[in-house]
Amino acid sequence: MSRKEDGEQHITRMVDLLRQGATLTELACPACASPLFRLQGMDLWCAKCEKRVIVVKDGEESAKITGSIVLNKLETTLLAKVQEIQNRMQHEENIEELQKLSNVLDGLLENLEKIRGTKRI
């Protein structure tokens, strides 16, 4: 892909964000210096990098914020896996397979509870 095509795609993504209700901010992406957009969910987004951007204010610990992001992603992953197991259990008739799925579900729910407890601290 040429630089011109890449630039055109970048601008197209920026226009699409504005059409979807995002707001152009005065902030720049720390990785590429492209303008950042505030999405309706209040997240900051770089249209060029196509990634969410976290702004750490003076005095905040970046490790604490990064840890919070990791825990949120892990919680989302575990919830998706719980849903997958539930769907498999719903259609499974083999008792031994149901027992295996139940054991996996127990582990997932235990880990989900641990993550939620950690997030409260």
PDB file of N, CA and C in Angstrom:
ATOM      1  N   MET A   1       0.851  -1.176   0.000  1.00  0.00           N
ATOM      2  CA  MET A   1       0.000   0.000   0.000  1.00  0.00           C
ATOM      3  C   MET A   1       0.895   1.237   0.000  1.00  0.00           C
ATOM      4  N   SER A   2       0.593   2.190  -0.844  1.00  0.00           N
ATOM      5  CA  SER A   2       1.407   3.404  -0.927  1.00  0.00           C
ATOM      6  C   SER A   2       1.087   4.336   0.238  1.00  0.00           C
ATOM      7  N   ARG A   3       1.967   5.289   0.469  1.00  0.00           N
ATOM      8  CA  ARG A   3       1.748   6.260   1.548  1.00  0.00           C
ATOM      9  C   ARG A   3       0.495   7.071   1.281  1.00  0.00           C
ATOM     10  N   LYS A   4       0.247   7.371  -0.001  1.00  0.00           N
ATOM     11  CA  LYS A   4      -0.938   8.148  -0.361  1.00  0.00           C
ATOM     12  C   LYS A   4      -2.207   7.372  -0.002  1.00  0.00           C
ATOM     13  N   GLU A   5      -2.237   6.078  -0.366  1.00  0.00           N
ATOM     14  CA  GLU A   5      -3.410   5.255  -0.049  1.00  0.00           C
ATOM     15  C   GLU A   5      -3.595   5.125   1.459  1.00  0.00           C
ATOM     16  N   ASP A   6      -2.471   4.963   2.166  1.00  0.00           N
ATOM     17  CA  ASP A   6      -2.529   4.853   3.619  1.00  0.00           C
ATOM     18  C   ASP A   6      -3.084   6.137   4.228  1.00  0.00           C
ATOM     19  N   GLY A   7      -2.641   7.278   3.736  1.00  0.00           N
ATOM     20  CA  GLY A   7      -3.135   8.570   4.210  1.00  0.00           C
ATOM     21  C   GLY A   7      -4.612   8.759   3.921  1.00  0.00           C
ATOM     22  N   GLU A   8      -5.034   8.314   2.737  1.00  0.00           N
ATOM     23  CA  GLU A   8      -6.454   8.430   2.381  1.00  0.00           C
ATOM     24  C   GLU A   8      -7.314   7.551   3.284  1.00  0.00           C
ATOM     25  N   GLN A   9      -6.828   6.365   3.594  1.00  0.00           N
ATOM     26  CA  GLN A   9      -7.580   5.480   4.493  1.00  0.00           C
ATOM     27  C   GLN A   9      -7.655   6.081   5.895  1.00  0.00           C
ATOM     28  N   HIS A  10      -6.573   6.691   6.320  1.00  0.00           N
ATOM     29  CA  HIS A  10      -6.534   7.341   7.630  1.00  0.00           C
ATOM     30  C   HIS A  10      -7.591   8.445   7.693  1.00  0.00           C
ATOM     31  N   ILE A  11      -7.648   9.263   6.667  1.00  0.00           N
ATOM     32  CA  ILE A  11      -8.632  10.360   6.631  1.00  0.00           C
ATOM     33  C   ILE A  11     -10.053   9.805   6.561  1.00  0.00           C
ATOM     34  N   THR A  12     -10.248   8.741   5.798  1.00  0.00           N
ATOM     35  CA  THR A  12     -11.571   8.121   5.705  1.00  0.00           C
ATOM     36  C   THR A  12     -12.016   7.610   7.071  1.00  0.00           C
ATOM     37  N   ARG A  13     -11.089   6.988   7.818  1.00  0.00           N
ATOM     38  CA  ARG A  13     -11.434   6.503   9.162  1.00  0.00           C
ATOM     39  C   ARG A  13     -11.788   7.666  10.079  1.00  0.00           C
ATOM     40  N   MET A  14     -11.058   8.779   9.945  1.00  0.00           N
ATOM     41  CA  MET A  14     -11.352   9.959  10.774  1.00  0.00           C
ATOM     42  C   MET A  14     -12.740  10.504  10.460  1.00  0.00           C
ATOM     43  N   VAL A  15     -13.080  10.590   9.185  1.00  0.00           N
ATOM     44  CA  VAL A  15     -14.400  11.079   8.770  1.00  0.00           C
ATOM     45  C   VAL A  15     -15.490  10.146   9.291  1.00  0.00           C
ATOM     46  N   ASP A  16     -15.243   8.844   9.188  1.00  0.00           N
ATOM     47  CA  ASP A  16     -16.218   7.867   9.677  1.00  0.00           C
ATOM     48  C   ASP A  16     -16.459   8.030  11.179  1.00  0.00           C
ATOM     49  N   LEU A  17     -15.388   8.275  11.935  1.00  0.00           N
ATOM     50  CA  LEU A  17     -15.539   8.484  13.377  1.00  0.00           C
ATOM     51  C   LEU A  17     -16.410   9.705  13.669  1.00  0.00           C
ATOM     52  N   LEU A  18     -16.168  10.776  12.933  1.00  0.00           N
ATOM     53  CA  LEU A  18     -16.974  11.991  13.129  1.00  0.00           C
ATOM     54  C   LEU A  18     -18.439  11.737  12.789  1.00  0.00           C
ATOM     55  N   ARG A  19     -18.673  11.011  11.720  1.00  0.00           N
ATOM     56  CA  ARG A  19     -20.059  10.686  11.325  1.00  0.00           C
ATOM     57  C   ARG A  19     -20.757   9.831  12.373  1.00  0.00           C
ATOM     58  N   GLN A  20     -19.970   9.010  13.080  1.00  0.00           N
ATOM     59  CA  GLN A  20     -20.544   8.136  14.103  1.00  0.00           C
ATOM     60  C   GLN A  20     -20.725   8.844  15.439  1.00  0.00           C
ATOM     61  N   GLY A  21     -20.381  10.127  15.493  1.00  0.00           N
ATOM     62  CA  GLY A  21     -20.613  10.897  16.705  1.00  0.00           C
ATOM     63  C   GLY A  21     -19.382  11.114  17.570  1.00  0.00           C
ATOM     64  N   ALA A  22     -18.215  10.683  17.109  1.00  0.00           N
ATOM     65  CA  ALA A  22     -16.989  10.919  17.875  1.00  0.00           C
ATOM     66  C   ALA A  22     -16.641  12.403  17.811  1.00  0.00           C
ATOM     67  N   THR A  23     -15.871  12.856  18.799  1.00  0.00           N
ATOM     68  CA  THR A  23     -15.465  14.255  18.874  1.00  0.00           C
ATOM     69  C   THR A  23     -13.955  14.349  18.690  1.00  0.00           C
ATOM     70  N   LEU A  24     -13.525  15.248  17.832  1.00  0.00           N
ATOM     71  CA  LEU A  24     -12.107  15.501  17.647  1.00  0.00           C
ATOM     72  C   LEU A  24     -11.587  16.247  18.873  1.00  0.00           C
ATOM     73  N   THR A  25     -10.479  15.771  19.448  1.00  0.00           N
ATOM     74  CA  THR A  25      -9.915  16.413  20.644  1.00  0.00           C
ATOM     75  C   THR A  25      -8.658  17.196  20.283  1.00  0.00           C
ATOM     76  N   GLU A  26      -8.138  17.906  21.264  1.00  0.00           N
ATOM     77  CA  GLU A  26      -6.890  18.651  21.070  1.00  0.00           C
ATOM     78  C   GLU A  26      -5.679  17.756  21.330  1.00  0.00           C
ATOM     79  N   LEU A  27      -5.928  16.515  21.738  1.00  0.00           N
ATOM     80  CA  LEU A  27      -4.855  15.586  22.080  1.00  0.00           C
ATOM     81  C   LEU A  27      -4.313  14.885  20.846  1.00  0.00           C
ATOM     82  N   ALA A  28      -3.041  14.478  20.924  1.00  0.00           N
ATOM     83  CA  ALA A  28      -2.409  13.737  19.831  1.00  0.00           C
ATOM     84  C   ALA A  28      -1.980  12.363  20.331  1.00  0.00           C
ATOM     85  N   CYS A  29      -2.000  11.409  19.434  1.00  0.00           N
ATOM     86  CA  CYS A  29      -1.580  10.049  19.756  1.00  0.00           C
ATOM     87  C   CYS A  29      -0.089  10.059  20.121  1.00  0.00           C
ATOM     88  N   PRO A  30       0.273   9.432  21.230  1.00  0.00           N
ATOM     89  CA  PRO A  30       1.683   9.405  21.607  1.00  0.00           C
ATOM     90  C   PRO A  30       2.533   8.546  20.667  1.00  0.00           C
ATOM     91  N   ALA A  31       1.909   7.645  19.922  1.00  0.00           N
ATOM     92  CA  ALA A  31       2.654   6.757  19.033  1.00  0.00           C
ATOM     93  C   ALA A  31       2.869   7.353  17.646  1.00  0.00           C
ATOM     94  N   CYS A  32       1.849   8.056  17.118  1.00  0.00           N
ATOM     95  CA  CYS A  32       1.950   8.522  15.724  1.00  0.00           C
ATOM     96  C   CYS A  32       1.676  10.017  15.557  1.00  0.00           C
ATOM     97  N   ALA A  33       1.278  10.702  16.614  1.00  0.00           N
ATOM     98  CA  ALA A  33       0.983  12.143  16.621  1.00  0.00           C
ATOM     99  C   ALA A  33      -0.287  12.515  15.856  1.00  0.00           C
ATOM    100  N   SER A  34      -1.083  11.544  15.479  1.00  0.00           N
ATOM    101  CA  SER A  34      -2.367  11.813  14.826  1.00  0.00           C
ATOM    102  C   SER A  34      -3.359  12.332  15.861  1.00  0.00           C
ATOM    103  N   PRO A  35      -4.318  13.160  15.454  1.00  0.00           N
ATOM    104  CA  PRO A  35      -5.316  13.652  16.405  1.00  0.00           C
ATOM    105  C   PRO A  35      -6.122  12.502  17.018  1.00  0.00           C
ATOM    106  N   LEU A  36      -6.475  12.661  18.283  1.00  0.00           N
ATOM    107  CA  LEU A  36      -7.291  11.657  18.966  1.00  0.00           C
ATOM    108  C   LEU A  36      -8.761  12.054  18.948  1.00  0.00           C
ATOM    109  N   PHE A  37      -9.615  11.052  18.927  1.00  0.00           N
ATOM    110  CA  PHE A  37     -11.061  11.249  18.930  1.00  0.00           C
ATOM    111  C   PHE A  37     -11.631  10.696  20.219  1.00  0.00           C
ATOM    112  N   ARG A  38     -12.625  11.390  20.768  1.00  0.00           N
ATOM    113  CA  ARG A  38     -13.331  10.895  21.937  1.00  0.00           C
ATOM    114  C   ARG A  38     -14.588  10.204  21.431  1.00  0.00           C
ATOM    115  N   LEU A  39     -14.665   8.900  21.689  1.00  0.00           N
ATOM    116  CA  LEU A  39     -15.829   8.118  21.271  1.00  0.00           C
ATOM    117  C   LEU A  39     -16.993   8.386  22.203  1.00  0.00           C
ATOM    118  N   GLN A  40     -18.171   7.972  21.805  1.00  0.00           N
ATOM    119  CA  GLN A  40     -19.360   8.229  22.620  1.00  0.00           C
ATOM    120  C   GLN A  40     -19.272   7.569  23.985  1.00  0.00           C
ATOM    121  N   GLY A  41     -18.530   6.467  24.085  1.00  0.00           N
ATOM    122  CA  GLY A  41     -18.330   5.810  25.374  1.00  0.00           C
ATOM    123  C   GLY A  41     -17.257   6.480  26.204  1.00  0.00           C
ATOM    124  N   MET A  42     -16.745   7.626  25.742  1.00  0.00           N
ATOM    125  CA  MET A  42     -15.742   8.452  26.406  1.00  0.00           C
ATOM    126  C   MET A  42     -14.313   7.913  26.256  1.00  0.00           C
ATOM    127  N   ASP A  43     -14.104   6.836  25.519  1.00  0.00           N
ATOM    128  CA  ASP A  43     -12.754   6.354  25.255  1.00  0.00           C
ATOM    129  C   ASP A  43     -12.094   7.250  24.225  1.00  0.00           C
ATOM    130  N   LEU A  44     -10.761   7.361  24.318  1.00  0.00           N
ATOM    131  CA  LEU A  44      -9.998   8.070  23.301  1.00  0.00           C
ATOM    132  C   LEU A  44      -9.536   7.054  22.262  1.00  0.00           C
ATOM    133  N   TRP A  45      -9.564   7.448  20.985  1.00  0.00           N
ATOM    134  CA  TRP A  45      -9.271   6.532  19.891  1.00  0.00           C
ATOM    135  C   TRP A  45      -8.362   7.203  18.876  1.00  0.00           C
ATOM    136  N   CYS A  46      -7.357   6.463  18.425  1.00  0.00           N
ATOM    137  CA  CYS A  46      -6.488   6.945  17.352  1.00  0.00           C
ATOM    138  C   CYS A  46      -6.943   6.288  16.055  1.00  0.00           C
ATOM    139  N   ALA A  47      -7.372   7.098  15.101  1.00  0.00           N
ATOM    140  CA  ALA A  47      -7.849   6.568  13.829  1.00  0.00           C
ATOM    141  C   ALA A  47      -6.712   5.998  12.993  1.00  0.00           C
ATOM    142  N   LYS A  48      -5.526   6.531  13.139  1.00  0.00           N
ATOM    143  CA  LYS A  48      -4.393   6.052  12.350  1.00  0.00           C
ATOM    144  C   LYS A  48      -3.886   4.708  12.878  1.00  0.00           C
ATOM    145  N   CYS A  49      -3.685   4.614  14.174  1.00  0.00           N
ATOM    146  CA  CYS A  49      -3.208   3.363  14.784  1.00  0.00           C
ATOM    147  C   CYS A  49      -4.343   2.348  14.938  1.00  0.00           C
ATOM    148  N   GLU A  50      -5.574   2.849  14.901  1.00  0.00           N
ATOM    149  CA  GLU A  50      -6.777   2.039  15.118  1.00  0.00           C
ATOM    150  C   GLU A  50      -6.716   1.351  16.479  1.00  0.00           C
ATOM    151  N   LYS A  51      -6.397   2.162  17.501  1.00  0.00           N
ATOM    152  CA  LYS A  51      -6.289   1.650  18.865  1.00  0.00           C
ATOM    153  C   LYS A  51      -6.855   2.653  19.854  1.00  0.00           C
ATOM    154  N   ARG A  52      -7.298   2.109  20.971  1.00  0.00           N
ATOM    155  CA  ARG A  52      -7.725   2.928  22.097  1.00  0.00           C
ATOM    156  C   ARG A  52      -6.481   3.527  22.743  1.00  0.00           C
ATOM    157  N   VAL A  53      -6.594   4.755  23.217  1.00  0.00           N
ATOM    158  CA  VAL A  53      -5.478   5.446  23.848  1.00  0.00           C
ATOM    159  C   VAL A  53      -5.880   5.821  25.263  1.00  0.00           C
ATOM    160  N   ILE A  54      -4.987   5.560  26.199  1.00  0.00           N
ATOM    161  CA  ILE A  54      -5.220   5.911  27.589  1.00  0.00           C
ATOM    162  C   ILE A  54      -4.313   7.086  27.937  1.00  0.00           C
ATOM    163  N   VAL A  55      -4.887   8.125  28.502  1.00  0.00           N
ATOM    164  CA  VAL A  55      -4.115   9.284  28.925  1.00  0.00           C
ATOM    165  C   VAL A  55      -3.912   9.184  30.425  1.00  0.00           C
ATOM    166  N   VAL A  56      -2.663   9.189  30.837  1.00  0.00           N
ATOM    167  CA  VAL A  56      -2.327   9.127  32.257  1.00  0.00           C
ATOM    168  C   VAL A  56      -2.020  10.541  32.711  1.00  0.00           C
ATOM    169  N   LYS A  57      -2.782  11.013  33.673  1.00  0.00           N
ATOM    170  CA  LYS A  57      -2.591  12.367  34.192  1.00  0.00           C
ATOM    171  C   LYS A  57      -1.423  12.387  35.166  1.00  0.00           C
ATOM    172  N   ASP A  58      -0.829  13.564  35.336  1.00  0.00           N
ATOM    173  CA  ASP A  58       0.264  13.715  36.289  1.00  0.00           C
ATOM    174  C   ASP A  58      -0.174  13.207  37.651  1.00  0.00           C
ATOM    175  N   GLY A  59       0.673  12.400  38.267  1.00  0.00           N
ATOM    176  CA  GLY A  59       0.373  11.885  39.589  1.00  0.00           C
ATOM    177  C   GLY A  59      -0.299  10.521  39.565  1.00  0.00           C
ATOM    178  N   GLU A  60      -0.846  10.107  38.433  1.00  0.00           N
ATOM    179  CA  GLU A  60      -1.474   8.798  38.341  1.00  0.00           C
ATOM    180  C   GLU A  60      -0.404   7.759  38.031  1.00  0.00           C
ATOM    181  N   GLU A  61      -0.624   6.587  38.507  1.00  0.00           N
ATOM    182  CA  GLU A  61       0.307   5.507  38.246  1.00  0.00           C
ATOM    183  C   GLU A  61      -0.126   4.779  36.976  1.00  0.00           C
ATOM    184  N   SER A  62       0.754   4.750  35.995  1.00  0.00           N
ATOM    185  CA  SER A  62       0.417   4.082  34.742  1.00  0.00           C
ATOM    186  C   SER A  62       0.233   2.583  34.966  1.00  0.00           C
ATOM    187  N   ALA A  63       0.968   1.997  35.908  1.00  0.00           N
ATOM    188  CA  ALA A  63       0.827   0.564  36.182  1.00  0.00           C
ATOM    189  C   ALA A  63      -0.576   0.254  36.700  1.00  0.00           C
ATOM    190  N   LYS A  64      -1.120   1.141  37.531  1.00  0.00           N
ATOM    191  CA  LYS A  64      -2.465   0.939  38.076  1.00  0.00           C
ATOM    192  C   LYS A  64      -3.498   0.978  36.951  1.00  0.00           C
ATOM    193  N   ILE A  65      -3.345   1.915  36.042  1.00  0.00           N
ATOM    194  CA  ILE A  65      -4.284   2.040  34.927  1.00  0.00           C
ATOM    195  C   ILE A  65      -4.154   0.846  33.985  1.00  0.00           C
ATOM    196  N   THR A  66      -2.920   0.468  33.687  1.00  0.00           N
ATOM    197  CA  THR A  66      -2.691  -0.692  32.820  1.00  0.00           C
ATOM    198  C   THR A  66      -3.277  -1.943  33.447  1.00  0.00           C
ATOM    199  N   GLY A  67      -3.072  -2.105  34.749  1.00  0.00           N
ATOM    200  CA  GLY A  67      -3.637  -3.260  35.451  1.00  0.00           C
ATOM    201  C   GLY A  67      -5.149  -3.294  35.364  1.00  0.00           C
ATOM    202  N   SER A  68      -5.771  -2.140  35.475  1.00  0.00           N
ATOM    203  CA  SER A  68      -7.222  -2.054  35.379  1.00  0.00           C
ATOM    204  C   SER A  68      -7.704  -2.467  33.986  1.00  0.00           C
ATOM    205  N   ILE A  69      -6.987  -2.045  32.967  1.00  0.00           N
ATOM    206  CA  ILE A  69      -7.345  -2.407  31.591  1.00  0.00           C
ATOM    207  C   ILE A  69      -7.222  -3.911  31.390  1.00  0.00           C
ATOM    208  N   VAL A  70      -6.130  -4.480  31.897  1.00  0.00           N
ATOM    209  CA  VAL A  70      -5.910  -5.921  31.762  1.00  0.00           C
ATOM    210  C   VAL A  70      -7.015  -6.688  32.471  1.00  0.00           C
ATOM    211  N   LEU A  71      -7.371  -6.266  33.682  1.00  0.00           N
ATOM    212  CA  LEU A  71      -8.439  -6.947  34.416  1.00  0.00           C
ATOM    213  C   LEU A  71      -9.767  -6.862  33.681  1.00  0.00           C
ATOM    214  N   ASN A  72     -10.067  -5.716  33.089  1.00  0.00           N
ATOM    215  CA  ASN A  72     -11.313  -5.572  32.335  1.00  0.00           C
ATOM    216  C   ASN A  72     -11.337  -6.502  31.131  1.00  0.00           C
ATOM    217  N   LYS A  73     -10.219  -6.582  30.413  1.00  0.00           N
ATOM    218  CA  LYS A  73     -10.148  -7.478  29.253  1.00  0.00           C
ATOM    219  C   LYS A  73     -10.280  -8.933  29.683  1.00  0.00           C
ATOM    220  N   LEU A  74      -9.616  -9.278  30.775  1.00  0.00           N
ATOM    221  CA  LEU A  74      -9.688 -10.645  31.275  1.00  0.00           C
ATOM    222  C   LEU A  74     -11.108 -10.994  31.714  1.00  0.00           C
ATOM    223  N   GLU A  75     -11.768 -10.060  32.372  1.00  0.00           N
ATOM    224  CA  GLU A  75     -13.158 -10.278  32.783  1.00  0.00           C
ATOM    225  C   GLU A  75     -14.053 -10.507  31.564  1.00  0.00           C
ATOM    226  N   THR A  76     -13.868  -9.710  30.534  1.00  0.00           N
ATOM    227  CA  THR A  76     -14.648  -9.864  29.306  1.00  0.00           C
ATOM    228  C   THR A  76     -14.406 -11.228  28.664  1.00  0.00           C
ATOM    229  N   THR A  77     -13.142 -11.641  28.638  1.00  0.00           N
ATOM    230  CA  THR A  77     -12.799 -12.943  28.063  1.00  0.00           C
ATOM    231  C   THR A  77     -13.448 -14.069  28.849  1.00  0.00           C
ATOM    232  N   LEU A  78     -13.355 -13.997  30.176  1.00  0.00           N
ATOM    233  CA  LEU A  78     -13.952 -15.041  31.006  1.00  0.00           C
ATOM    234  C   LEU A  78     -15.465 -15.104  30.830  1.00  0.00           C
ATOM    235  N   LEU A  79     -16.111 -13.954  30.741  1.00  0.00           N
ATOM    236  CA  LEU A  79     -17.567 -13.945  30.531  1.00  0.00           C
ATOM    237  C   LEU A  79     -17.930 -14.585  29.200  1.00  0.00           C
ATOM    238  N   ALA A  80     -17.129 -14.337  28.176  1.00  0.00           N
ATOM    239  CA  ALA A  80     -17.381 -14.958  26.869  1.00  0.00           C
ATOM    240  C   ALA A  80     -17.214 -16.472  26.958  1.00  0.00           C
ATOM    241  N   LYS A  81     -16.210 -16.919  27.694  1.00  0.00           N
ATOM    242  CA  LYS A  81     -15.980 -18.363  27.858  1.00  0.00           C
ATOM    243  C   LYS A  81     -17.107 -19.007  28.672  1.00  0.00           C
ATOM    244  N   VAL A  82     -17.589 -18.311  29.684  1.00  0.00           N
ATOM    245  CA  VAL A  82     -18.728 -18.820  30.460  1.00  0.00           C
ATOM    246  C   VAL A  82     -19.931 -19.010  29.530  1.00  0.00           C
ATOM    247  N   GLN A  83     -20.155 -18.048  28.663  1.00  0.00           N
ATOM    248  CA  GLN A  83     -21.267 -18.141  27.711  1.00  0.00           C
ATOM    249  C   GLN A  83     -21.074 -19.330  26.762  1.00  0.00           C
ATOM    250  N   GLU A  84     -19.846 -19.527  26.287  1.00  0.00           N
ATOM    251  CA  GLU A  84     -19.560 -20.662  25.404  1.00  0.00           C
ATOM    252  C   GLU A  84     -19.849 -21.989  26.101  1.00  0.00           C
ATOM    253  N   ILE A  85     -19.393 -22.115  27.355  1.00  0.00           N
ATOM    254  CA  ILE A  85     -19.629 -23.343  28.118  1.00  0.00           C
ATOM    255  C   ILE A  85     -21.121 -23.544  28.346  1.00  0.00           C
ATOM    256  N   GLN A  86     -21.817 -22.476  28.676  1.00  0.00           N
ATOM    257  CA  GLN A  86     -23.265 -22.575  28.897  1.00  0.00           C
ATOM    258  C   GLN A  86     -23.972 -23.066  27.631  1.00  0.00           C
ATOM    259  N   ASN A  87     -23.573 -22.544  26.494  1.00  0.00           N
ATOM    260  CA  ASN A  87     -24.182 -22.986  25.228  1.00  0.00           C
ATOM    261  C   ASN A  87     -23.898 -24.452  24.953  1.00  0.00           C
ATOM    262  N   ARG A  88     -22.665 -24.888  25.231  1.00  0.00           N
ATOM    263  CA  ARG A  88     -22.331 -26.302  25.022  1.00  0.00           C
ATOM    264  C   ARG A  88     -23.102 -27.194  25.981  1.00  0.00           C
ATOM    265  N   MET A  89     -23.240 -26.750  27.237  1.00  0.00           N
ATOM    266  CA  MET A  89     -23.959 -27.544  28.230  1.00  0.00           C
ATOM    267  C   MET A  89     -25.433 -27.688  27.854  1.00  0.00           C
ATOM    268  N   GLN A  90     -25.980 -26.648  27.304  1.00  0.00           N
ATOM    269  CA  GLN A  90     -27.397 -26.646  26.952  1.00  0.00           C
ATOM    270  C   GLN A  90     -27.720 -27.732  25.923  1.00  0.00           C
ATOM    271  N   HIS A  91     -26.774 -28.037  25.044  1.00  0.00           N
ATOM    272  CA  HIS A  91     -27.019 -29.006  23.976  1.00  0.00           C
ATOM    273  C   HIS A  91     -26.373 -30.363  24.233  1.00  0.00           C
ATOM    274  N   GLU A  92     -25.634 -30.477  25.306  1.00  0.00           N
ATOM    275  CA  GLU A  92     -24.920 -31.731  25.594  1.00  0.00           C
ATOM    276  C   GLU A  92     -25.839 -32.714  26.320  1.00  0.00           C
ATOM    277  N   GLU A  93     -25.774 -33.983  25.908  1.00  0.00           N
ATOM    278  CA  GLU A  93     -26.574 -35.021  26.555  1.00  0.00           C
ATOM    279  C   GLU A  93     -25.712 -36.036  27.291  1.00  0.00           C
ATOM    280  N   ASN A  94     -24.442 -36.111  26.939  1.00  0.00           N
ATOM    281  CA  ASN A  94     -23.525 -37.049  27.563  1.00  0.00           C
ATOM    282  C   ASN A  94     -23.178 -36.558  28.968  1.00  0.00           C
ATOM    283  N   ILE A  95     -23.482 -37.386  29.972  1.00  0.00           N
ATOM    284  CA  ILE A  95     -23.289 -37.012  31.376  1.00  0.00           C
ATOM    285  C   ILE A  95     -21.812 -36.744  31.685  1.00  0.00           C
ATOM    286  N   GLU A  96     -20.926 -37.580  31.154  1.00  0.00           N
ATOM    287  CA  GLU A  96     -19.495 -37.384  31.410  1.00  0.00           C
ATOM    288  C   GLU A  96     -19.007 -36.052  30.831  1.00  0.00           C
ATOM    289  N   GLU A  97     -19.473 -35.722  29.643  1.00  0.00           N
ATOM    290  CA  GLU A  97     -19.087 -34.451  29.019  1.00  0.00           C
ATOM    291  C   GLU A  97     -19.681 -33.275  29.796  1.00  0.00           C
ATOM    292  N   LEU A  98     -20.912 -33.445  30.299  1.00  0.00           N
ATOM    293  CA  LEU A  98     -21.526 -32.397  31.126  1.00  0.00           C
ATOM    294  C   LEU A  98     -20.714 -32.173  32.406  1.00  0.00           C
ATOM    295  N   GLN A  99     -20.196 -33.256  32.987  1.00  0.00           N
ATOM    296  CA  GLN A  99     -19.380 -33.139  34.195  1.00  0.00           C
ATOM    297  C   GLN A  99     -18.094 -32.371  33.898  1.00  0.00           C
ATOM    298  N   LYS A 100     -17.461 -32.672  32.762  1.00  0.00           N
ATOM    299  CA  LYS A 100     -16.238 -31.955  32.372  1.00  0.00           C
ATOM    300  C   LYS A 100     -16.536 -30.471  32.164  1.00  0.00           C
ATOM    301  N   LEU A 101     -17.629 -30.186  31.471  1.00  0.00           N
ATOM    302  CA  LEU A 101     -18.006 -28.790  31.226  1.00  0.00           C
ATOM    303  C   LEU A 101     -18.322 -28.072  32.531  1.00  0.00           C
ATOM    304  N   SER A 102     -18.959 -28.785  33.452  1.00  0.00           N
ATOM    305  CA  SER A 102     -19.284 -28.204  34.751  1.00  0.00           C
ATOM    306  C   SER A 102     -18.011 -27.848  35.526  1.00  0.00           C
ATOM    307  N   ASN A 103     -17.016 -28.707  35.459  1.00  0.00           N
ATOM    308  CA  ASN A 103     -15.743 -28.441  36.135  1.00  0.00           C
ATOM    309  C   ASN A 103     -15.053 -27.215  35.527  1.00  0.00           C
ATOM    310  N   VAL A 104     -15.083 -27.116  34.216  1.00  0.00           N
ATOM    311  CA  VAL A 104     -14.491 -25.957  33.545  1.00  0.00           C
ATOM    312  C   VAL A 104     -15.246 -24.688  33.949  1.00  0.00           C
ATOM    313  N   LEU A 105     -16.566 -24.790  33.980  1.00  0.00           N
ATOM    314  CA  LEU A 105     -17.394 -23.643  34.360  1.00  0.00           C
ATOM    315  C   LEU A 105     -17.085 -23.194  35.794  1.00  0.00           C
ATOM    316  N   ASP A 106     -16.932 -24.158  36.697  1.00  0.00           N
ATOM    317  CA  ASP A 106     -16.578 -23.821  38.084  1.00  0.00           C
ATOM    318  C   ASP A 106     -15.280 -23.021  38.132  1.00  0.00           C
ATOM    319  N   GLY A 107     -14.276 -23.471  37.386  1.00  0.00           N
ATOM    320  CA  GLY A 107     -12.997 -22.771  37.361  1.00  0.00           C
ATOM    321  C   GLY A 107     -13.117 -21.370  36.788  1.00  0.00           C
ATOM    322  N   LEU A 108     -13.876 -21.231  35.708  1.00  0.00           N
ATOM    323  CA  LEU A 108     -14.075 -19.917  35.103  1.00  0.00           C
ATOM    324  C   LEU A 108     -14.771 -18.963  36.060  1.00  0.00           C
ATOM    325  N   LEU A 109     -15.821 -19.450  36.717  1.00  0.00           N
ATOM    326  CA  LEU A 109     -16.561 -18.604  37.650  1.00  0.00           C
ATOM    327  C   LEU A 109     -15.723 -18.228  38.869  1.00  0.00           C
ATOM    328  N   GLU A 110     -14.892 -19.155  39.331  1.00  0.00           N
ATOM    329  CA  GLU A 110     -13.999 -18.862  40.451  1.00  0.00           C
ATOM    330  C   GLU A 110     -13.009 -17.759  40.066  1.00  0.00           C
ATOM    331  N   ASN A 111     -12.448 -17.870  38.873  1.00  0.00           N
ATOM    332  CA  ASN A 111     -11.510 -16.841  38.413  1.00  0.00           C
ATOM    333  C   ASN A 111     -12.203 -15.503  38.186  1.00  0.00           C
ATOM    334  N   LEU A 112     -13.413 -15.545  37.683  1.00  0.00           N
ATOM    335  CA  LEU A 112     -14.183 -14.318  37.478  1.00  0.00           C
ATOM    336  C   LEU A 112     -14.431 -13.620  38.815  1.00  0.00           C
ATOM    337  N   GLU A 113     -14.757 -14.405  39.838  1.00  0.00           N
ATOM    338  CA  GLU A 113     -14.980 -13.845  41.176  1.00  0.00           C
ATOM    339  C   GLU A 113     -13.697 -13.222  41.722  1.00  0.00           C
ATOM    340  N   LYS A 114     -12.559 -13.876  41.496  1.00  0.00           N
ATOM    341  CA  LYS A 114     -11.271 -13.340  41.948  1.00  0.00           C
ATOM    342  C   LYS A 114     -10.961 -12.011  41.262  1.00  0.00           C
ATOM    343  N   ILE A 115     -11.205 -11.952  39.965  1.00  0.00           N
ATOM    344  CA  ILE A 115     -10.937 -10.716  39.220  1.00  0.00           C
ATOM    345  C   ILE A 115     -11.815  -9.593  39.737  1.00  0.00           C
ATOM    346  N   ARG A 116     -13.083  -9.886  39.936  1.00  0.00           N
ATOM    347  CA  ARG A 116     -14.007  -8.838  40.418  1.00  0.00           C
ATOM    348  C   ARG A 116     -13.620  -8.387  41.817  1.00  0.00           C
ATOM    349  N   GLY A 117     -13.136  -9.311  42.644  1.00  0.00           N
ATOM    350  CA  GLY A 117     -12.672  -8.941  43.978  1.00  0.00           C
ATOM    351  C   GLY A 117     -11.428  -8.060  43.907  1.00  0.00           C
ATOM    352  N   THR A 118     -10.540  -8.382  42.987  1.00  0.00           N
ATOM    353  CA  THR A 118      -9.324  -7.582  42.800  1.00  0.00           C
ATOM    354  C   THR A 118      -9.651  -6.185  42.309  1.00  0.00           C
ATOM    355  N   LYS A 119     -10.629  -6.079  41.438  1.00  0.00           N
ATOM    356  CA  LYS A 119     -11.016  -4.760  40.899  1.00  0.00           C
ATOM    357  C   LYS A 119     -11.596  -3.859  41.983  1.00  0.00           C
ATOM    358  N   ARG A 120     -12.204  -4.437  43.011  1.00  0.00           N
ATOM    359  CA  ARG A 120     -12.821  -3.644  44.076  1.00  0.00           C
ATOM    360  C   ARG A 120     -11.779  -3.057  45.039  1.00  0.00           C
ATOM    361  N   ILE A 121     -10.613  -3.666  45.058  1.00  0.00           N
ATOM    362  CA  ILE A 121      -9.572  -3.223  46.015  1.00  0.00           C
ATOM    363  C   ILE A 121      -8.978  -1.901  45.599  1.00  0.00           C
TER     364      ILE A 121
END
